[in-house]
Amino acid sequence: MTKNKNNHQIPHTVTWRVRLTPEMLNHLAGPTTFRASKLDAYLNLLHDAAVATAIYESAYGQTVNPEAGQLVISITNLAKRWGWSRGIVRKFLDQLETLCMLSKTQASGCTLVTMTTERDDAKY
């Protein structure tokens, strides 16, 4: 990720691709009784990872600098955005991790998510 003069990240102009297996698509297409579908939620995560532009500063004063394809998430914020409970959001993210669609790590009191993508770039 490149930085502008104000030390804010700007999105890459590289094309990204996501490869989904039938098992992944079946999981995302599954019915839900919530406001956002699983597919909507997954696409929302992909979009946020693609346009991440800010360095995250945790409440503990530590800084997380997400790279391209990464985003810092809040379970509570995602639950509000998608109209889901926090437990359902956690379960959904765990299921995506089991299907190798993303990986999660704890960093500086927050959750850093890395989306599984392929770069369409000759240098990669």
C-alpha atoms as a PDB file:
ATOM      1  CA  MET A   1       0.000   0.000   0.000  1.00  0.00           C
ATOM      2  CA  THR A   2       1.374   3.421  -0.912  1.00  0.00           C
ATOM      3  CA  LYS A   3       1.185   6.445   1.351  1.00  0.00           C
ATOM      4  CA  ASN A   4       0.363  10.037   0.481  1.00  0.00           C
ATOM      5  CA  LYS A   5       2.051  13.117   1.958  1.00  0.00           C
ATOM      6  CA  ASN A   6      -0.203  12.985   5.048  1.00  0.00           C
ATOM      7  CA  ASN A   7       0.990   9.426   5.765  1.00  0.00           C
ATOM      8  CA  HIS A   8      -2.435   7.976   4.874  1.00  0.00           C
ATOM      9  CA  GLN A   9      -2.596   4.831   2.828  1.00  0.00           C
ATOM     10  CA  ILE A  10      -4.028   5.008  -0.647  1.00  0.00           C
ATOM     11  CA  PRO A  11      -5.474   1.963  -2.385  1.00  0.00           C
ATOM     12  CA  HIS A  12      -3.480   0.041  -4.967  1.00  0.00           C
ATOM     13  CA  THR A  13      -4.571   0.113  -8.564  1.00  0.00           C
ATOM     14  CA  VAL A  14      -3.787  -3.585  -9.017  1.00  0.00           C
ATOM     15  CA  THR A  15      -6.627  -5.872 -10.065  1.00  0.00           C
ATOM     16  CA  TRP A  16      -7.535  -8.481  -7.435  1.00  0.00           C
ATOM     17  CA  ARG A  17      -9.316 -11.773  -8.004  1.00  0.00           C
ATOM     18  CA  VAL A  18     -11.037 -14.156  -5.645  1.00  0.00           C
ATOM     19  CA  ARG A  19     -11.294 -17.844  -6.444  1.00  0.00           C
ATOM     20  CA  LEU A  20     -14.369 -19.505  -4.924  1.00  0.00           C
ATOM     21  CA  THR A  21     -15.018 -23.233  -4.815  1.00  0.00           C
ATOM     22  CA  PRO A  22     -18.524 -24.722  -5.028  1.00  0.00           C
ATOM     23  CA  GLU A  23     -18.342 -25.369  -1.269  1.00  0.00           C
ATOM     24  CA  MET A  24     -17.575 -21.696  -0.632  1.00  0.00           C
ATOM     25  CA  LEU A  25     -20.417 -20.548  -2.903  1.00  0.00           C
ATOM     26  CA  ASN A  26     -22.869 -22.938  -1.235  1.00  0.00           C
ATOM     27  CA  HIS A  27     -21.893 -21.523   2.140  1.00  0.00           C
ATOM     28  CA  LEU A  28     -22.334 -17.928   0.992  1.00  0.00           C
ATOM     29  CA  ALA A  29     -25.626 -18.658  -0.774  1.00  0.00           C
ATOM     30  CA  GLY A  30     -27.130 -20.303   2.291  1.00  0.00           C
ATOM     31  CA  PRO A  31     -30.324 -18.778   3.662  1.00  0.00           C
ATOM     32  CA  THR A  32     -30.173 -16.264   6.487  1.00  0.00           C
ATOM     33  CA  THR A  33     -32.852 -14.553   8.530  1.00  0.00           C
ATOM     34  CA  PHE A  34     -30.741 -11.438   9.002  1.00  0.00           C
ATOM     35  CA  ARG A  35     -30.729  -8.103   7.194  1.00  0.00           C
ATOM     36  CA  ALA A  36     -27.533  -8.817   5.223  1.00  0.00           C
ATOM     37  CA  SER A  37     -26.943 -12.106   3.439  1.00  0.00           C
ATOM     38  CA  LYS A  38     -23.708 -14.037   3.875  1.00  0.00           C
ATOM     39  CA  LEU A  39     -22.744 -13.067   0.337  1.00  0.00           C
ATOM     40  CA  ASP A  40     -23.419  -9.378   1.104  1.00  0.00           C
ATOM     41  CA  ALA A  41     -21.282  -9.634   4.233  1.00  0.00           C
ATOM     42  CA  TYR A  42     -18.409 -11.350   2.385  1.00  0.00           C
ATOM     43  CA  LEU A  43     -18.500  -8.817  -0.459  1.00  0.00           C
ATOM     44  CA  ASN A  44     -18.535  -6.040   2.140  1.00  0.00           C
ATOM     45  CA  LEU A  45     -15.352  -7.449   3.703  1.00  0.00           C
ATOM     46  CA  LEU A  46     -13.690  -7.721   0.271  1.00  0.00           C
ATOM     47  CA  HIS A  47     -14.621  -4.144  -0.553  1.00  0.00           C
ATOM     48  CA  ASP A  48     -13.339  -2.830   2.769  1.00  0.00           C
ATOM     49  CA  ALA A  49     -10.051  -4.702   2.304  1.00  0.00           C
ATOM     50  CA  ALA A  50      -9.665  -3.297  -1.219  1.00  0.00           C
ATOM     51  CA  VAL A  51     -10.225   0.324  -0.247  1.00  0.00           C
ATOM     52  CA  ALA A  52      -8.597   0.365   3.201  1.00  0.00           C
ATOM     53  CA  THR A  53      -6.993   3.787   3.422  1.00  0.00           C
ATOM     54  CA  ALA A  54      -6.231   4.452   7.050  1.00  0.00           C
ATOM     55  CA  ILE A  55      -3.749   3.390   9.648  1.00  0.00           C
ATOM     56  CA  TYR A  56      -5.591   1.999  12.669  1.00  0.00           C
ATOM     57  CA  GLU A  57      -4.714   3.291  16.115  1.00  0.00           C
ATOM     58  CA  SER A  58      -6.023   1.071  18.907  1.00  0.00           C
ATOM     59  CA  ALA A  59      -7.415   2.278  22.210  1.00  0.00           C
ATOM     60  CA  TYR A  60      -4.149   1.042  23.729  1.00  0.00           C
ATOM     61  CA  GLY A  61      -2.106   3.535  21.713  1.00  0.00           C
ATOM     62  CA  GLN A  62      -0.629   0.956  19.341  1.00  0.00           C
ATOM     63  CA  THR A  63      -0.710   1.377  15.588  1.00  0.00           C
ATOM     64  CA  VAL A  64      -1.676  -1.254  13.018  1.00  0.00           C
ATOM     65  CA  ASN A  65      -0.773  -0.558   9.402  1.00  0.00           C
ATOM     66  CA  PRO A  66      -2.864  -2.915   7.229  1.00  0.00           C
ATOM     67  CA  GLU A  67      -1.367  -3.979   3.917  1.00  0.00           C
ATOM     68  CA  ALA A  68      -3.255  -4.459   0.677  1.00  0.00           C
ATOM     69  CA  GLY A  69      -6.000  -7.052   1.160  1.00  0.00           C
ATOM     70  CA  GLN A  70      -6.111  -6.552   4.927  1.00  0.00           C
ATOM     71  CA  LEU A  71      -8.489  -4.705   7.196  1.00  0.00           C
ATOM     72  CA  VAL A  72      -8.928  -4.088  10.887  1.00  0.00           C
ATOM     73  CA  ILE A  73     -12.380  -5.129  12.026  1.00  0.00           C
ATOM     74  CA  SER A  74     -14.625  -4.628  14.993  1.00  0.00           C
ATOM     75  CA  ILE A  75     -17.105  -7.453  15.636  1.00  0.00           C
ATOM     76  CA  THR A  76     -19.516  -4.927  17.147  1.00  0.00           C
ATOM     77  CA  ASN A  77     -19.339  -2.611  14.114  1.00  0.00           C
ATOM     78  CA  LEU A  78     -19.846  -5.486  11.685  1.00  0.00           C
ATOM     79  CA  ALA A  79     -22.820  -6.735  13.719  1.00  0.00           C
ATOM     80  CA  LYS A  80     -24.446  -3.299  13.523  1.00  0.00           C
ATOM     81  CA  ARG A  81     -23.676  -2.905   9.822  1.00  0.00           C
ATOM     82  CA  TRP A  82     -25.040  -6.313   8.851  1.00  0.00           C
ATOM     83  CA  GLY A  83     -27.910  -6.484  11.350  1.00  0.00           C
ATOM     84  CA  TRP A  84     -26.479  -9.632  12.960  1.00  0.00           C
ATOM     85  CA  SER A  85     -25.605 -10.523  16.532  1.00  0.00           C
ATOM     86  CA  ARG A  86     -21.940 -10.415  17.562  1.00  0.00           C
ATOM     87  CA  GLY A  87     -21.968 -14.202  18.041  1.00  0.00           C
ATOM     88  CA  ILE A  88     -23.226 -14.747  14.480  1.00  0.00           C
ATOM     89  CA  VAL A  89     -20.518 -12.428  13.122  1.00  0.00           C
ATOM     90  CA  ARG A  90     -17.821 -14.379  14.998  1.00  0.00           C
ATOM     91  CA  LYS A  91     -19.240 -17.686  13.742  1.00  0.00           C
ATOM     92  CA  PHE A  92     -19.405 -16.365  10.162  1.00  0.00           C
ATOM     93  CA  LEU A  93     -15.772 -15.186  10.276  1.00  0.00           C
ATOM     94  CA  ASP A  94     -14.706 -18.536  11.764  1.00  0.00           C
ATOM     95  CA  GLN A  95     -16.514 -20.347   8.933  1.00  0.00           C
ATOM     96  CA  LEU A  96     -14.811 -18.165   6.318  1.00  0.00           C
ATOM     97  CA  GLU A  97     -11.476 -18.922   7.950  1.00  0.00           C
ATOM     98  CA  THR A  98     -12.230 -22.670   7.899  1.00  0.00           C
ATOM     99  CA  LEU A  99     -13.007 -22.390   4.171  1.00  0.00           C
ATOM    100  CA  CYS A 100      -9.676 -20.503   3.667  1.00  0.00           C
ATOM    101  CA  MET A 101     -11.490 -17.402   2.440  1.00  0.00           C
ATOM    102  CA  LEU A 102      -9.725 -15.225   5.019  1.00  0.00           C
ATOM    103  CA  SER A 103      -7.367 -15.439   7.960  1.00  0.00           C
ATOM    104  CA  LYS A 104      -7.632 -13.625  11.275  1.00  0.00           C
ATOM    105  CA  THR A 105      -4.937 -12.550  13.712  1.00  0.00           C
ATOM    106  CA  GLN A 106      -5.069 -10.542  16.908  1.00  0.00           C
ATOM    107  CA  ALA A 107      -2.933  -7.415  16.694  1.00  0.00           C
ATOM    108  CA  SER A 108      -2.675  -4.622  19.247  1.00  0.00           C
ATOM    109  CA  GLY A 109      -6.086  -5.237  20.813  1.00  0.00           C
ATOM    110  CA  CYS A 110      -7.916  -5.546  17.489  1.00  0.00           C
ATOM    111  CA  THR A 111      -8.613  -8.188  14.872  1.00  0.00           C
ATOM    112  CA  LEU A 112      -6.647  -8.009  11.630  1.00  0.00           C
ATOM    113  CA  VAL A 113      -8.318  -9.843   8.744  1.00  0.00           C
ATOM    114  CA  THR A 114      -6.425 -10.856   5.612  1.00  0.00           C
ATOM    115  CA  MET A 115      -8.686 -11.703   2.689  1.00  0.00           C
ATOM    116  CA  THR A 116      -7.594 -14.598   0.477  1.00  0.00           C
ATOM    117  CA  THR A 117      -7.082 -13.036  -2.951  1.00  0.00           C
ATOM    118  CA  GLU A 118      -4.940 -13.399  -6.038  1.00  0.00           C
ATOM    119  CA  ARG A 119      -3.216 -10.418  -7.562  1.00  0.00           C
ATOM    120  CA  ASP A 120      -3.489  -9.953 -11.296  1.00  0.00           C
ATOM    121  CA  ASP A 121      -0.007  -8.503 -11.589  1.00  0.00           C
ATOM    122  CA  ALA A 122       2.958  -9.776 -13.607  1.00  0.00           C
ATOM    123  CA  LYS A 123       5.372  -8.903 -10.778  1.00  0.00           C
ATOM    124  CA  TYR A 124       3.481 -11.001  -8.200  1.00  0.00           C
END
